Amino acid sequence: AVRLWAEPLPHAKVVLHVQDDGPGFDEAMRAHLFEPFFTTHPKGTGLGLYIARELAEANDATLALAPGGPGADFILTASQQP
């Protein structure tokens, strides 16, 4: 299952979480998740998370993987627009 939720932060920022209940990532994978062409799927291109982070940064936002957990919790932090 996938959960999505948002929470406001001080200084007109917002955090969007995208969390699943899958197996998560070990430390070796975590170190490379956002690198271009890194994939864990036989037919994957390894560009999805790389492009997502590049788009976030191009829009003055950040995309990160939260530490720990079961599953994965990706966190997008961005400025709130008026």
PDB file of N, CA and C in Angstrom:
ATOM      1  N   ALA A   1       0.842  -1.182   0.000  1.00  0.00           N
ATOM      2  CA  ALA A   1       0.000   0.000   0.000  1.00  0.00           C
ATOM      3  C   ALA A   1       0.884   1.241   0.000  1.00  0.00           C
ATOM      4  N   VAL A   2       0.378   2.288  -0.590  1.00  0.00           N
ATOM      5  CA  VAL A   2       1.095   3.562  -0.644  1.00  0.00           C
ATOM      6  C   VAL A   2       0.294   4.594   0.128  1.00  0.00           C
ATOM      7  N   ARG A   3       0.975   5.370   0.957  1.00  0.00           N
ATOM      8  CA  ARG A   3       0.343   6.460   1.702  1.00  0.00           C
ATOM      9  C   ARG A   3       0.935   7.778   1.230  1.00  0.00           C
ATOM     10  N   LEU A   4       0.083   8.767   1.074  1.00  0.00           N
ATOM     11  CA  LEU A   4       0.499  10.130   0.737  1.00  0.00           C
ATOM     12  C   LEU A   4      -0.047  11.060   1.794  1.00  0.00           C
ATOM     13  N   TRP A   5       0.781  11.966   2.279  1.00  0.00           N
ATOM     14  CA  TRP A   5       0.279  12.993   3.172  1.00  0.00           C
ATOM     15  C   TRP A   5       1.209  14.190   3.148  1.00  0.00           C
ATOM     16  N   ALA A   6       0.650  15.325   3.516  1.00  0.00           N
ATOM     17  CA  ALA A   6       1.412  16.577   3.523  1.00  0.00           C
ATOM     18  C   ALA A   6       1.329  17.195   4.905  1.00  0.00           C
ATOM     19  N   GLU A   7       2.352  17.969   5.243  1.00  0.00           N
ATOM     20  CA  GLU A   7       2.342  18.697   6.505  1.00  0.00           C
ATOM     21  C   GLU A   7       3.024  20.044   6.301  1.00  0.00           C
ATOM     22  N   PRO A   8       2.465  21.088   6.893  1.00  0.00           N
ATOM     23  CA  PRO A   8       3.088  22.405   6.771  1.00  0.00           C
ATOM     24  C   PRO A   8       4.314  22.501   7.678  1.00  0.00           C
ATOM     25  N   LEU A   9       5.269  23.309   7.260  1.00  0.00           N
ATOM     26  CA  LEU A   9       6.462  23.612   8.048  1.00  0.00           C
ATOM     27  C   LEU A   9       6.543  25.117   8.242  1.00  0.00           C
ATOM     28  N   PRO A  10       7.336  25.575   9.198  1.00  0.00           N
ATOM     29  CA  PRO A  10       7.533  27.019   9.344  1.00  0.00           C
ATOM     30  C   PRO A  10       8.175  27.615   8.088  1.00  0.00           C
ATOM     31  N   HIS A  11       8.100  28.907   7.991  1.00  0.00           N
ATOM     32  CA  HIS A  11       8.722  29.675   6.900  1.00  0.00           C
ATOM     33  C   HIS A  11       8.119  29.335   5.539  1.00  0.00           C
ATOM     34  N   ALA A  12       6.808  29.113   5.507  1.00  0.00           N
ATOM     35  CA  ALA A  12       6.054  28.906   4.264  1.00  0.00           C
ATOM     36  C   ALA A  12       6.564  27.717   3.458  1.00  0.00           C
ATOM     37  N   LYS A  13       6.865  26.645   4.144  1.00  0.00           N
ATOM     38  CA  LYS A  13       7.281  25.419   3.460  1.00  0.00           C
ATOM     39  C   LYS A  13       6.253  24.319   3.728  1.00  0.00           C
ATOM     40  N   VAL A  14       6.268  23.322   2.871  1.00  0.00           N
ATOM     41  CA  VAL A  14       5.383  22.171   3.029  1.00  0.00           C
ATOM     42  C   VAL A  14       6.183  20.905   2.724  1.00  0.00           C
ATOM     43  N   VAL A  15       5.833  19.827   3.403  1.00  0.00           N
ATOM     44  CA  VAL A  15       6.476  18.537   3.176  1.00  0.00           C
ATOM     45  C   VAL A  15       5.426  17.559   2.673  1.00  0.00           C
ATOM     46  N   LEU A  16       5.735  16.877   1.589  1.00  0.00           N
ATOM     47  CA  LEU A  16       4.878  15.831   1.047  1.00  0.00           C
ATOM     48  C   LEU A  16       5.601  14.500   1.226  1.00  0.00           C
ATOM     49  N   HIS A  17       4.935  13.553   1.879  1.00  0.00           N
ATOM     50  CA  HIS A  17       5.495  12.215   2.079  1.00  0.00           C
ATOM     51  C   HIS A  17       4.843  11.246   1.104  1.00  0.00           C
ATOM     52  N   VAL A  18       5.639  10.379   0.521  1.00  0.00           N
ATOM     53  CA  VAL A  18       5.156   9.255  -0.279  1.00  0.00           C
ATOM     54  C   VAL A  18       5.783   8.023   0.360  1.00  0.00           C
ATOM     55  N   GLN A  19       4.956   7.222   1.020  1.00  0.00           N
ATOM     56  CA  GLN A  19       5.455   6.106   1.818  1.00  0.00           C
ATOM     57  C   GLN A  19       4.813   4.806   1.358  1.00  0.00           C
ATOM     58  N   ASP A  20       5.619   3.735   1.325  1.00  0.00           N
ATOM     59  CA  ASP A  20       5.058   2.421   1.014  1.00  0.00           C
ATOM     60  C   ASP A  20       5.423   1.429   2.109  1.00  0.00           C
ATOM     61  N   ASP A  21       4.854   0.240   2.015  1.00  0.00           N
ATOM     62  CA  ASP A  21       5.133  -0.786   3.018  1.00  0.00           C
ATOM     63  C   ASP A  21       5.937  -1.941   2.422  1.00  0.00           C
ATOM     64  N   GLY A  22       6.736  -1.624   1.408  1.00  0.00           N
ATOM     65  CA  GLY A  22       7.587  -2.630   0.773  1.00  0.00           C
ATOM     66  C   GLY A  22       8.812  -2.950   1.616  1.00  0.00           C
ATOM     67  N   PRO A  23       9.788  -3.629   1.024  1.00  0.00           N
ATOM     68  CA  PRO A  23      10.968  -4.060   1.777  1.00  0.00           C
ATOM     69  C   PRO A  23      11.944  -2.935   2.112  1.00  0.00           C
ATOM     70  N   GLY A  24      11.781  -1.770   1.509  1.00  0.00           N
ATOM     71  CA  GLY A  24      12.705  -0.669   1.776  1.00  0.00           C
ATOM     72  C   GLY A  24      14.023  -0.855   1.046  1.00  0.00           C
ATOM     73  N   PHE A  25      15.044  -0.137   1.494  1.00  0.00           N
ATOM     74  CA  PHE A  25      16.345  -0.149   0.840  1.00  0.00           C
ATOM     75  C   PHE A  25      17.433  -0.358   1.875  1.00  0.00           C
ATOM     76  N   ASP A  26      18.414  -1.203   1.550  1.00  0.00           N
ATOM     77  CA  ASP A  26      19.538  -1.354   2.464  1.00  0.00           C
ATOM     78  C   ASP A  26      20.493  -0.166   2.281  1.00  0.00           C
ATOM     79  N   GLU A  27      21.488  -0.069   3.144  1.00  0.00           N
ATOM     80  CA  GLU A  27      22.400   1.085   3.113  1.00  0.00           C
ATOM     81  C   GLU A  27      23.139   1.203   1.789  1.00  0.00           C
ATOM     82  N   ALA A  28      23.528   0.086   1.192  1.00  0.00           N
ATOM     83  CA  ALA A  28      24.236   0.132  -0.091  1.00  0.00           C
ATOM     84  C   ALA A  28      23.353   0.735  -1.179  1.00  0.00           C
ATOM     85  N   MET A  29      22.079   0.370  -1.200  1.00  0.00           N
ATOM     86  CA  MET A  29      21.147   0.932  -2.187  1.00  0.00           C
ATOM     87  C   MET A  29      20.885   2.402  -1.910  1.00  0.00           C
ATOM     88  N   ARG A  30      20.696   2.751  -0.636  1.00  0.00           N
ATOM     89  CA  ARG A  30      20.399   4.133  -0.262  1.00  0.00           C
ATOM     90  C   ARG A  30      21.468   5.096  -0.779  1.00  0.00           C
ATOM     91  N   ALA A  31      22.708   4.640  -0.784  1.00  0.00           N
ATOM     92  CA  ALA A  31      23.814   5.498  -1.214  1.00  0.00           C
ATOM     93  C   ALA A  31      23.741   5.840  -2.700  1.00  0.00           C
ATOM     94  N   HIS A  32      22.990   5.062  -3.479  1.00  0.00           N
ATOM     95  CA  HIS A  32      22.976   5.248  -4.934  1.00  0.00           C
ATOM     96  C   HIS A  32      21.598   5.541  -5.522  1.00  0.00           C
ATOM     97  N   LEU A  33      20.560   5.593  -4.713  1.00  0.00           N
ATOM     98  CA  LEU A  33      19.189   5.696  -5.227  1.00  0.00           C
ATOM     99  C   LEU A  33      18.959   6.828  -6.217  1.00  0.00           C
ATOM    100  N   PHE A  34      19.580   7.969  -5.989  1.00  0.00           N
ATOM    101  CA  PHE A  34      19.303   9.140  -6.822  1.00  0.00           C
ATOM    102  C   PHE A  34      20.331   9.323  -7.938  1.00  0.00           C
ATOM    103  N   GLU A  35      21.208   8.354  -8.121  1.00  0.00           N
ATOM    104  CA  GLU A  35      22.197   8.426  -9.197  1.00  0.00           C
ATOM    105  C   GLU A  35      21.558   7.974 -10.508  1.00  0.00           C
ATOM    106  N   PRO A  36      21.939   8.624 -11.624  1.00  0.00           N
ATOM    107  CA  PRO A  36      21.382   8.187 -12.904  1.00  0.00           C
ATOM    108  C   PRO A  36      21.839   6.764 -13.227  1.00  0.00           C
ATOM    109  N   PHE A  37      20.928   6.008 -13.763  1.00  0.00           N
ATOM    110  CA  PHE A  37      21.131   4.643 -14.241  1.00  0.00           C
ATOM    111  C   PHE A  37      21.277   3.601 -13.126  1.00  0.00           C
ATOM    112  N   PHE A  38      21.048   3.982 -11.877  1.00  0.00           N
ATOM    113  CA  PHE A  38      21.025   2.988 -10.800  1.00  0.00           C
ATOM    114  C   PHE A  38      19.633   2.382 -10.761  1.00  0.00           C
ATOM    115  N   THR A  39      19.549   1.077 -10.863  1.00  0.00           N
ATOM    116  CA  THR A  39      18.254   0.403 -10.841  1.00  0.00           C
ATOM    117  C   THR A  39      18.357  -0.927 -10.109  1.00  0.00           C
ATOM    118  N   THR A  40      17.241  -1.346  -9.558  1.00  0.00           N
ATOM    119  CA  THR A  40      17.149  -2.663  -8.936  1.00  0.00           C
ATOM    120  C   THR A  40      16.246  -3.573  -9.757  1.00  0.00           C
ATOM    121  N   HIS A  41      15.752  -3.062 -10.872  1.00  0.00           N
ATOM    122  CA  HIS A  41      14.835  -3.822 -11.725  1.00  0.00           C
ATOM    123  C   HIS A  41      15.539  -4.231 -13.016  1.00  0.00           C
ATOM    124  N   PRO A  42      15.364  -5.462 -13.454  1.00  0.00           N
ATOM    125  CA  PRO A  42      16.046  -5.942 -14.658  1.00  0.00           C
ATOM    126  C   PRO A  42      15.752  -5.108 -15.904  1.00  0.00           C
ATOM    127  N   LYS A  43      14.539  -4.582 -16.013  1.00  0.00           N
ATOM    128  CA  LYS A  43      14.189  -3.782 -17.189  1.00  0.00           C
ATOM    129  C   LYS A  43      14.109  -2.295 -16.873  1.00  0.00           C
ATOM    130  N   GLY A  44      14.599  -1.891 -15.702  1.00  0.00           N
ATOM    131  CA  GLY A  44      14.545  -0.483 -15.315  1.00  0.00           C
ATOM    132  C   GLY A  44      15.624   0.334 -15.999  1.00  0.00           C
ATOM    133  N   THR A  45      15.364   1.618 -16.135  1.00  0.00           N
ATOM    134  CA  THR A  45      16.362   2.515 -16.724  1.00  0.00           C
ATOM    135  C   THR A  45      17.209   3.200 -15.658  1.00  0.00           C
ATOM    136  N   GLY A  46      16.711   3.228 -14.431  1.00  0.00           N
ATOM    137  CA  GLY A  46      17.447   3.903 -13.377  1.00  0.00           C
ATOM    138  C   GLY A  46      17.377   5.415 -13.473  1.00  0.00           C
ATOM    139  N   LEU A  47      16.354   5.929 -14.123  1.00  0.00           N
ATOM    140  CA  LEU A  47      16.249   7.381 -14.290  1.00  0.00           C
ATOM    141  C   LEU A  47      15.123   8.012 -13.482  1.00  0.00           C
ATOM    142  N   GLY A  48      14.191   7.229 -12.975  1.00  0.00           N
ATOM    143  CA  GLY A  48      13.015   7.786 -12.302  1.00  0.00           C
ATOM    144  C   GLY A  48      13.335   8.670 -11.116  1.00  0.00           C
ATOM    145  N   LEU A  49      14.055   8.153 -10.131  1.00  0.00           N
ATOM    146  CA  LEU A  49      14.373   8.953  -8.944  1.00  0.00           C
ATOM    147  C   LEU A  49      15.365  10.061  -9.265  1.00  0.00           C
ATOM    148  N   TYR A  50      16.264   9.797 -10.204  1.00  0.00           N
ATOM    149  CA  TYR A  50      17.200  10.840 -10.627  1.00  0.00           C
ATOM    150  C   TYR A  50      16.443  12.029 -11.220  1.00  0.00           C
ATOM    151  N   ILE A  51      15.521  11.750 -12.130  1.00  0.00           N
ATOM    152  CA  ILE A  51      14.742  12.824 -12.762  1.00  0.00           C
ATOM    153  C   ILE A  51      13.852  13.517 -11.733  1.00  0.00           C
ATOM    154  N   ALA A  52      13.243  12.752 -10.836  1.00  0.00           N
ATOM    155  CA  ALA A  52      12.388  13.354  -9.804  1.00  0.00           C
ATOM    156  C   ALA A  52      13.179  14.335  -8.947  1.00  0.00           C
ATOM    157  N   ARG A  53      14.391  13.955  -8.536  1.00  0.00           N
ATOM    158  CA  ARG A  53      15.206  14.860  -7.719  1.00  0.00           C
ATOM    159  C   ARG A  53      15.646  16.080  -8.533  1.00  0.00           C
ATOM    160  N   GLU A  54      16.032  15.887  -9.783  1.00  0.00           N
ATOM    161  CA  GLU A  54      16.434  17.010 -10.634  1.00  0.00           C
ATOM    162  C   GLU A  54      15.280  18.000 -10.806  1.00  0.00           C
ATOM    163  N   LEU A  55      14.068  17.496 -11.019  1.00  0.00           N
ATOM    164  CA  LEU A  55      12.904  18.375 -11.154  1.00  0.00           C
ATOM    165  C   LEU A  55      12.621  19.115  -9.854  1.00  0.00           C
ATOM    166  N   ALA A  56      12.751  18.420  -8.735  1.00  0.00           N
ATOM    167  CA  ALA A  56      12.549  19.076  -7.441  1.00  0.00           C
ATOM    168  C   ALA A  56      13.548  20.214  -7.273  1.00  0.00           C
ATOM    169  N   GLU A  57      14.823  19.934  -7.509  1.00  0.00           N
ATOM    170  CA  GLU A  57      15.854  20.951  -7.325  1.00  0.00           C
ATOM    171  C   GLU A  57      15.698  22.109  -8.299  1.00  0.00           C
ATOM    172  N   ALA A  58      15.231  21.838  -9.513  1.00  0.00           N
ATOM    173  CA  ALA A  58      15.003  22.902 -10.494  1.00  0.00           C
ATOM    174  C   ALA A  58      13.880  23.835 -10.053  1.00  0.00           C
ATOM    175  N   ASN A  59      13.060  23.370  -9.112  1.00  0.00           N
ATOM    176  CA  ASN A  59      11.947  24.167  -8.597  1.00  0.00           C
ATOM    177  C   ASN A  59      12.152  24.553  -7.136  1.00  0.00           C
ATOM    178  N   ASP A  60      13.420  24.664  -6.736  1.00  0.00           N
ATOM    179  CA  ASP A  60      13.791  25.081  -5.373  1.00  0.00           C
ATOM    180  C   ASP A  60      13.173  24.195  -4.300  1.00  0.00           C
ATOM    181  N   ALA A  61      13.105  22.906  -4.578  1.00  0.00           N
ATOM    182  CA  ALA A  61      12.593  21.930  -3.617  1.00  0.00           C
ATOM    183  C   ALA A  61      13.667  20.865  -3.397  1.00  0.00           C
ATOM    184  N   THR A  62      13.428  19.984  -2.441  1.00  0.00           N
ATOM    185  CA  THR A  62      14.346  18.872  -2.211  1.00  0.00           C
ATOM    186  C   THR A  62      13.559  17.569  -2.200  1.00  0.00           C
ATOM    187  N   LEU A  63      14.215  16.506  -2.604  1.00  0.00           N
ATOM    188  CA  LEU A  63      13.637  15.171  -2.550  1.00  0.00           C
ATOM    189  C   LEU A  63      14.642  14.278  -1.853  1.00  0.00           C
ATOM    190  N   ALA A  64      14.197  13.585  -0.822  1.00  0.00           N
ATOM    191  CA  ALA A  64      15.090  12.735  -0.045  1.00  0.00           C
ATOM    192  C   ALA A  64      14.357  11.481   0.397  1.00  0.00           C
ATOM    193  N   LEU A  65      15.128  10.495   0.794  1.00  0.00           N
ATOM    194  CA  LEU A  65      14.590   9.275   1.383  1.00  0.00           C
ATOM    195  C   LEU A  65      14.800   9.367   2.882  1.00  0.00           C
ATOM    196  N   ALA A  66      13.716   9.246   3.640  1.00  0.00           N
ATOM    197  CA  ALA A  66      13.817   9.312   5.099  1.00  0.00           C
ATOM    198  C   ALA A  66      14.601   8.107   5.607  1.00  0.00           C
ATOM    199  N   PRO A  67      15.354   8.287   6.675  1.00  0.00           N
ATOM    200  CA  PRO A  67      16.110   7.163   7.228  1.00  0.00           C
ATOM    201  C   PRO A  67      15.203   6.147   7.910  1.00  0.00           C
ATOM    202  N   GLY A  68      15.684   4.918   7.966  1.00  0.00           N
ATOM    203  CA  GLY A  68      15.001   3.862   8.718  1.00  0.00           C
ATOM    204  C   GLY A  68      13.696   3.414   8.111  1.00  0.00           C
ATOM    205  N   GLY A  69      12.818   2.984   8.981  1.00  0.00           N
ATOM    206  CA  GLY A  69      11.490   2.556   8.596  1.00  0.00           C
ATOM    207  C   GLY A  69      11.442   1.157   8.052  1.00  0.00           C
ATOM    208  N   PRO A  70      10.275   0.550   8.120  1.00  0.00           N
ATOM    209  CA  PRO A  70      10.047  -0.466   7.115  1.00  0.00           C
ATOM    210  C   PRO A  70       9.527   0.272   5.892  1.00  0.00           C
ATOM    211  N   GLY A  71       9.750  -0.258   4.739  1.00  0.00           N
ATOM    212  CA  GLY A  71       9.308   0.410   3.524  1.00  0.00           C
ATOM    213  C   GLY A  71      10.159   1.621   3.216  1.00  0.00           C
ATOM    214  N   ALA A  72       9.664   2.427   2.313  1.00  0.00           N
ATOM    215  CA  ALA A  72      10.359   3.645   1.904  1.00  0.00           C
ATOM    216  C   ALA A  72       9.473   4.839   2.211  1.00  0.00           C
ATOM    217  N   ASP A  73      10.097   5.938   2.581  1.00  0.00           N
ATOM    218  CA  ASP A  73       9.382   7.192   2.834  1.00  0.00           C
ATOM    219  C   ASP A  73      10.149   8.294   2.129  1.00  0.00           C
ATOM    220  N   PHE A  74       9.679   8.656   0.930  1.00  0.00           N
ATOM    221  CA  PHE A  74      10.296   9.741   0.183  1.00  0.00           C
ATOM    222  C   PHE A  74       9.663  11.047   0.629  1.00  0.00           C
ATOM    223  N   ILE A  75      10.502  12.063   0.807  1.00  0.00           N
ATOM    224  CA  ILE A  75      10.055  13.342   1.351  1.00  0.00           C
ATOM    225  C   ILE A  75      10.397  14.454   0.365  1.00  0.00           C
ATOM    226  N   LEU A  76       9.368  15.135  -0.115  1.00  0.00           N
ATOM    227  CA  LEU A  76       9.534  16.304  -0.970  1.00  0.00           C
ATOM    228  C   LEU A  76       9.265  17.529  -0.116  1.00  0.00           C
ATOM    229  N   THR A  77      10.243  18.413  -0.007  1.00  0.00           N
ATOM    230  CA  THR A  77      10.095  19.647   0.760  1.00  0.00           C
ATOM    231  C   THR A  77      10.128  20.813  -0.217  1.00  0.00           C
ATOM    232  N   ALA A  78       9.102  21.658  -0.169  1.00  0.00           N
ATOM    233  CA  ALA A  78       8.983  22.755  -1.125  1.00  0.00           C
ATOM    234  C   ALA A  78       8.396  23.982  -0.447  1.00  0.00           C
ATOM    235  N   SER A  79       8.547  25.115  -1.108  1.00  0.00           N
ATOM    236  CA  SER A  79       7.925  26.349  -0.640  1.00  0.00           C
ATOM    237  C   SER A  79       6.462  26.344  -1.035  1.00  0.00           C
ATOM    238  N   GLN A  80       5.624  26.875  -0.154  1.00  0.00           N
ATOM    239  CA  GLN A  80       4.211  27.018  -0.481  1.00  0.00           C
ATOM    240  C   GLN A  80       4.054  28.236  -1.376  1.00  0.00           C
ATOM    241  N   GLN A  81       3.270  28.090  -2.407  1.00  0.00           N
ATOM    242  CA  GLN A  81       3.012  29.207  -3.312  1.00  0.00           C
ATOM    243  C   GLN A  81       1.759  29.936  -2.862  1.00  0.00           C
ATOM    244  N   PRO A  82       1.750  31.262  -2.954  1.00  0.00           N
ATOM    245  CA  PRO A  82       0.549  32.020  -2.544  1.00  0.00           C
ATOM    246  C   PRO A  82      -0.630  31.742  -3.453  1.00  0.00           C
TER     247      PRO A  82
END
